[in-house]
Amino acid sequence: MPELPEVETIVRQLNKEIRGLKVKKVWFDWPKLFKGKTGPQKFKKIIKNKKILGIRREGKNILIDLNDGLTCLMHLKLTGRILVGDSEFVQKDSYVHFKLELSNKKILALSDLRKFAKIILEKTEEVKTLKEIKELGPNPLASNFTLEIFNEFLDRKKNGKIKEVLMNQNIISGIGNIYANEILWEAKVNPFKDVKALTFKERGEIYKAIKKILLKAVEYNGSTIADEMYKDTKGKPGKYGKMLRVYQREKEKCFRCNAEIKRIVQKGRSTFYCPQCQK
C-alpha cells in the first residue's frame, strides 16, 4: 500500500501536472470504486466541466479540490496507482478502471490490480467529517507536529507495541509497514517494545527518525519494493526503495553493526529489525 511518501509524491506531481485544468470526460468500468453518497452515474454528471483547483494529502488520502465547493477523495489501498499522460501511455496499463479526460487532452487514470481503491465525491466543507478523514492522527510532516504532540498521541496507546502504534492512523497519519520498520531501525528501538516502556530519549529518537526518514523518502519519490506495485504518475519507480535499511532484508547484514536482520510476523505484518541494534 502506498504510504505517506508515495502519496505525497503523487500529490506534488498532480499539482504540477493537472492543477487549473478542467474535466471534460469521465470513464470507468468498475462502479464499485465509488463510495459515499454519490454513485457512479451521478459522479459522472456532476464532475464534468469542473475545474481542478488543487490537490492535497490527508494521511494516505488524495484530495482533489474542484470549483463549486466539491472535493474528490481517492484512496489507493493496496495496489492502486495514479497515472497522468496521453491515451497511448495510459493504455499500456492493463488495470486502469477510471479515467478523467482533461482540458489539455491528457488523462488522469486510476489503475488498480486488486480493485480495492475507492473514490468519494463530497462537498469540500464536509470532507473533514468523512470517516476516512475525521479520525486521522496528526500529519508527521506538518510544522506543528512537535515532540510534545507526538508524545501526547503516543500516550493514548501506552499498552501497545511501538511499531503497531506508529502504524495506527488515529495516532499518526500516513505511516505504514515499510516506514515503521525503517523509523525504528533508525531510532535503534525494538519494534516489539511497549510504548509505556519507552524512555524519554527513545521517544525523542523515534520522533527525529520519523521526520528524517519520511522527508528523505519524499525527496526520492517514495519506495518501490520487490512487488513493484508503486509507481509515480509517469510510471517511474520510487528511488528510496534502494535505500531501505531493514525492510525486506531478512538474513542480510545490518548496515550499522553487521548482525543478521530478522523477520517476525506481527499481527499479520512482517516486522524486520536488527536484534543487535534494536535490543
Protein backbone atom coordinates (compact mmCIF):
# COMPACT_ATOMS: atom_id res chain seq x y z
CA MET A 1 0.00 0.00 0.00
CA PRO A 2 1.36 3.46 -0.85
CA GLU A 3 2.33 5.25 2.37
CA LEU A 4 2.88 8.92 3.15
CA PRO A 5 5.99 9.45 0.96
CA GLU A 6 4.39 7.77 -2.05
CA VAL A 7 1.09 9.65 -1.71
CA GLU A 8 2.92 12.93 -1.08
CA THR A 9 4.96 12.34 -4.24
CA ILE A 10 1.80 11.75 -6.26
CA VAL A 11 0.11 14.86 -4.84
CA ARG A 12 3.08 17.07 -5.65
CA GLN A 13 3.23 15.71 -9.19
CA LEU A 14 -0.51 16.18 -9.70
CA ASN A 15 -0.30 19.80 -8.60
CA LYS A 16 2.32 20.39 -11.28
CA GLU A 17 0.52 18.44 -13.99
CA ILE A 18 -3.24 18.97 -13.65
CA ARG A 19 -3.98 21.95 -11.41
CA GLY A 20 -6.04 24.52 -13.28
CA LEU A 21 -7.35 22.06 -15.87
CA LYS A 22 -11.00 21.13 -16.42
CA VAL A 23 -12.59 17.70 -16.51
CA LYS A 24 -14.01 17.09 -19.98
CA LYS A 25 -14.96 13.43 -19.84
CA VAL A 26 -15.26 10.60 -17.29
CA TRP A 27 -14.83 6.89 -17.98
CA PHE A 28 -14.95 3.88 -15.65
CA ASP A 29 -15.59 0.15 -15.85
CA TRP A 30 -15.77 -0.66 -12.14
CA PRO A 31 -18.76 1.09 -10.49
CA LYS A 32 -17.81 -0.30 -7.06
CA LEU A 33 -14.91 2.18 -6.98
CA PHE A 34 -17.41 4.85 -5.98
CA LYS A 35 -18.27 5.08 -2.29
CA GLY A 36 -20.21 7.57 -0.24
CA LYS A 37 -23.39 9.38 -1.21
CA THR A 38 -22.54 9.96 -4.89
CA GLY A 39 -22.99 6.94 -7.14
CA PRO A 40 -21.04 6.43 -10.39
CA GLN A 41 -23.56 7.93 -12.81
CA LYS A 42 -24.21 10.95 -10.61
CA PHE A 43 -20.45 11.38 -10.18
CA LYS A 44 -20.01 11.34 -13.96
CA LYS A 45 -22.62 14.04 -14.40
CA ILE A 46 -21.53 16.31 -11.55
CA ILE A 47 -17.79 16.31 -12.20
CA LYS A 48 -17.95 17.16 -15.91
CA ASN A 49 -16.50 20.62 -16.68
CA LYS A 50 -15.34 21.11 -13.12
CA LYS A 51 -12.01 22.94 -12.71
CA ILE A 52 -9.23 21.37 -10.63
CA LEU A 53 -8.22 23.98 -8.06
CA GLY A 54 -5.53 21.96 -6.32
CA ILE A 55 -4.54 18.62 -4.85
CA ARG A 56 -3.67 17.88 -1.22
CA ARG A 57 -3.00 14.95 1.05
CA GLU A 58 -4.62 13.84 4.29
CA GLY A 59 -2.88 10.74 5.63
CA LYS A 60 -2.85 8.32 2.70
CA ASN A 61 -5.83 10.04 1.02
CA ILE A 62 -5.51 12.14 -2.14
CA LEU A 63 -7.94 15.08 -2.17
CA ILE A 64 -8.65 16.83 -5.47
CA ASP A 65 -10.37 20.14 -4.81
CA LEU A 66 -12.75 21.32 -7.54
CA ASN A 67 -14.70 24.50 -8.13
CA ASP A 68 -18.29 24.79 -6.90
CA GLY A 69 -17.14 23.61 -3.45
CA LEU A 70 -16.50 19.97 -4.31
CA THR A 71 -13.67 17.59 -3.46
CA CYS A 72 -12.86 14.19 -4.93
CA LEU A 73 -11.17 11.84 -2.46
CA MET A 74 -9.10 8.94 -3.76
CA HIS A 75 -7.54 6.20 -1.65
CA LEU A 76 -5.21 3.82 -3.48
CA LYS A 77 -5.44 0.98 -0.93
CA LEU A 78 -3.09 -1.94 -1.67
CA THR A 79 -2.38 -1.79 -5.40
CA GLY A 80 -3.76 1.49 -6.69
CA ARG A 81 -1.77 3.79 -8.99
CA ILE A 82 -2.40 7.25 -10.40
CA LEU A 83 -1.19 7.86 -13.95
CA VAL A 84 -1.13 11.08 -15.95
CA GLY A 85 -0.37 11.13 -19.66
CA ASP A 86 -1.76 10.77 -23.13
CA SER A 87 -4.07 7.97 -24.22
CA GLU A 88 -1.22 5.81 -25.53
CA PHE A 89 0.62 5.99 -22.19
CA VAL A 90 -2.47 5.15 -20.13
CA GLN A 91 -3.48 2.24 -22.37
CA LYS A 92 -0.22 0.45 -21.59
CA ASP A 93 -1.60 -0.30 -18.12
CA SER A 94 -3.98 -3.26 -18.17
CA TYR A 95 -5.61 -2.43 -14.82
CA VAL A 96 -6.98 1.07 -15.45
CA HIS A 97 -10.58 1.25 -14.18
CA PHE A 98 -11.15 5.02 -14.07
CA LYS A 99 -10.15 7.92 -16.31
CA LEU A 100 -10.63 11.68 -16.33
CA GLU A 101 -10.02 13.27 -19.73
CA LEU A 102 -8.72 16.78 -19.06
CA SER A 103 -8.85 20.04 -20.97
CA ASN A 104 -5.25 19.70 -22.23
CA LYS A 105 -6.21 16.28 -23.67
CA LYS A 106 -4.17 14.45 -21.07
CA ILE A 107 -5.73 11.76 -18.94
CA LEU A 108 -5.69 11.17 -15.19
CA ALA A 109 -6.16 7.43 -14.70
CA LEU A 110 -6.63 5.19 -11.70
CA SER A 111 -5.15 1.72 -12.10
CA ASP A 112 -5.81 -0.99 -9.52
CA LEU A 113 -4.84 -4.64 -9.88
CA ARG A 114 -6.95 -5.84 -6.94
CA LYS A 115 -9.81 -3.32 -7.23
CA PHE A 116 -9.67 -2.17 -3.60
CA ALA A 117 -9.19 1.54 -4.33
CA LYS A 118 -12.05 3.95 -3.71
CA ILE A 119 -13.35 7.31 -4.87
CA ILE A 120 -15.65 9.63 -2.91
CA LEU A 121 -17.15 12.92 -4.13
CA GLU A 122 -18.13 15.24 -1.31
CA LYS A 123 -18.64 18.92 -0.57
CA THR A 124 -15.26 20.40 0.33
CA GLU A 125 -16.59 21.76 3.61
CA GLU A 126 -17.86 18.29 4.55
CA VAL A 127 -14.69 16.33 3.73
CA LYS A 128 -13.41 16.68 7.28
CA THR A 129 -16.48 14.79 8.51
CA LEU A 130 -15.79 11.70 6.38
CA LYS A 131 -14.73 8.66 8.40
CA GLU A 132 -11.60 8.45 6.21
CA ILE A 133 -10.51 11.88 7.46
CA LYS A 134 -12.06 12.82 10.80
CA GLU A 135 -10.23 10.27 12.95
CA LEU A 136 -6.78 10.71 11.41
CA GLY A 137 -3.90 11.50 13.71
CA PRO A 138 -1.54 14.43 13.06
CA ASN A 139 0.46 14.82 9.88
CA PRO A 140 4.08 13.98 10.82
CA LEU A 141 5.45 16.34 8.16
CA ALA A 142 3.46 19.33 9.41
CA SER A 143 5.38 22.15 11.08
CA ASN A 144 3.15 21.87 14.15
CA PHE A 145 3.97 18.17 14.64
CA THR A 146 6.21 18.70 17.64
CA LEU A 147 7.75 16.23 20.07
CA GLU A 148 5.12 17.29 22.59
CA ILE A 149 2.30 16.47 20.18
CA PHE A 150 3.97 13.17 19.31
CA ASN A 151 4.19 12.22 22.98
CA GLU A 152 0.59 13.25 23.60
CA PHE A 153 -0.69 10.93 20.87
CA LEU A 154 1.68 8.11 21.87
CA ASP A 155 0.25 8.19 25.40
CA ARG A 156 -3.17 7.30 24.00
CA LYS A 157 -1.82 3.79 23.29
CA LYS A 158 0.54 3.20 26.21
CA ASN A 159 -0.13 -0.53 26.26
CA GLY A 160 0.54 -1.01 22.56
CA LYS A 161 3.72 -2.16 20.86
CA ILE A 162 5.55 0.78 19.36
CA LYS A 163 5.57 -0.48 15.76
CA GLU A 164 1.83 -1.17 15.83
CA VAL A 165 1.19 2.25 17.33
CA LEU A 166 3.25 4.03 14.66
CA MET A 167 1.08 2.34 12.03
CA ASN A 168 -2.17 3.33 13.76
CA GLN A 169 -3.64 6.06 11.55
CA ASN A 170 -5.50 7.54 14.52
CA ILE A 171 -2.18 8.18 16.27
CA ILE A 172 -0.04 9.38 13.35
CA SER A 173 -1.37 9.58 9.81
CA GLY A 174 0.47 8.16 6.83
CA ILE A 175 2.98 5.69 8.29
CA GLY A 176 2.63 2.08 7.16
CA ASN A 177 4.67 -1.09 7.45
CA ILE A 178 7.64 -0.04 5.32
CA TYR A 179 8.40 3.18 7.15
CA ALA A 180 7.54 1.93 10.64
CA ASN A 181 10.31 -0.66 10.20
CA GLU A 182 12.75 1.92 8.86
CA ILE A 183 11.97 4.52 11.53
CA LEU A 184 12.53 2.11 14.40
CA TRP A 185 15.80 0.86 12.91
CA GLU A 186 16.99 4.44 12.57
CA ALA A 187 15.98 5.15 16.19
CA LYS A 188 17.56 1.89 17.48
CA VAL A 189 14.28 0.90 19.16
CA ASN A 190 12.91 -2.65 19.29
CA PRO A 191 9.62 -2.81 17.34
CA PHE A 192 8.04 -5.09 19.97
CA LYS A 193 8.67 -2.74 22.88
CA ASP A 194 5.63 -1.44 24.76
CA VAL A 195 5.02 2.29 24.43
CA LYS A 196 4.85 2.60 28.22
CA ALA A 197 8.37 1.14 28.48
CA LEU A 198 9.96 3.69 26.14
CA THR A 199 12.40 6.10 27.73
CA PHE A 200 12.18 9.83 27.07
CA LYS A 201 15.35 9.53 24.98
CA GLU A 202 13.87 6.71 22.88
CA ARG A 203 10.72 8.74 22.23
CA GLY A 204 12.90 11.61 21.08
CA GLU A 205 14.91 9.37 18.77
CA ILE A 206 11.75 7.94 17.23
CA TYR A 207 10.37 11.43 16.68
CA LYS A 208 13.58 12.55 14.95
CA ALA A 209 13.63 9.36 12.86
CA ILE A 210 10.04 9.94 11.70
CA LYS A 211 10.94 13.35 10.31
CA LYS A 212 14.26 12.20 8.83
CA ILE A 213 13.02 9.02 7.12
CA LEU A 214 9.78 10.43 5.73
CA LEU A 215 11.38 13.61 4.39
CA LYS A 216 14.18 11.62 2.75
CA ALA A 217 11.69 9.19 1.22
CA VAL A 218 9.67 12.06 -0.22
CA GLU A 219 12.88 13.56 -1.64
CA TYR A 220 13.48 10.29 -3.51
CA ASN A 221 9.84 9.96 -4.67
CA GLY A 222 8.94 7.11 -2.31
CA SER A 223 9.80 3.42 -2.28
CA THR A 224 9.22 0.87 -5.00
CA ILE A 225 9.93 -2.54 -3.47
CA ALA A 226 10.11 -6.10 -4.79
CA ASP A 227 6.45 -6.33 -5.89
CA GLU A 228 6.90 -3.08 -7.90
CA MET A 229 3.29 -2.08 -7.23
CA TYR A 230 4.09 1.57 -6.54
CA LYS A 231 4.97 3.85 -9.46
CA ASP A 232 4.61 7.62 -9.73
CA THR A 233 2.27 9.43 -12.13
CA LYS A 234 4.72 8.88 -15.00
CA GLY A 235 5.08 5.18 -14.28
CA LYS A 236 8.53 5.59 -12.72
CA PRO A 237 9.60 3.69 -9.58
CA GLY A 238 10.43 5.45 -6.33
CA LYS A 239 14.17 5.60 -5.68
CA TYR A 240 14.04 5.28 -1.90
CA GLY A 241 13.40 1.54 -2.17
CA LYS A 242 17.11 1.06 -2.82
CA MET A 243 17.92 2.90 0.39
CA LEU A 244 15.84 0.81 2.80
CA ARG A 245 17.87 -0.45 5.74
CA VAL A 246 15.76 -3.30 7.12
CA TYR A 247 12.51 -3.71 5.25
CA GLN A 248 12.56 -6.95 3.20
CA ARG A 249 16.23 -7.50 4.11
CA GLU A 250 15.74 -10.70 6.11
CA LYS A 251 19.04 -12.60 6.69
CA GLU A 252 21.08 -9.79 5.16
CA LYS A 253 23.69 -7.92 7.20
CA CYS A 254 22.77 -4.83 9.20
CA PHE A 255 24.30 -1.70 7.68
CA ARG A 256 25.20 -0.47 11.15
CA CYS A 257 26.54 -3.47 13.10
CA ASN A 258 26.77 -6.32 10.58
CA ALA A 259 24.36 -8.54 12.55
CA GLU A 260 21.75 -10.55 10.62
CA ILE A 261 18.40 -8.85 10.00
CA LYS A 262 15.48 -10.83 11.46
CA ARG A 263 11.90 -11.11 10.27
CA ILE A 264 8.98 -11.86 12.58
CA VAL A 265 5.29 -11.82 11.66
CA GLN A 266 3.49 -9.40 13.96
CA LYS A 267 -0.30 -9.37 13.68
CA GLY A 268 -0.20 -10.43 10.06
CA ARG A 269 2.56 -7.99 9.08
CA SER A 270 6.24 -8.76 8.57
CA THR A 271 8.47 -6.93 11.02
CA PHE A 272 12.14 -6.53 10.08
CA TYR A 273 14.71 -5.47 12.64
CA CYS A 274 18.29 -5.88 13.83
CA PRO A 275 18.43 -7.87 17.09
CA GLN A 276 21.78 -6.30 17.90
CA CYS A 277 20.99 -2.61 17.24
CA GLN A 278 17.37 -2.80 18.38
CA LYS A 279 17.55 -4.74 21.65
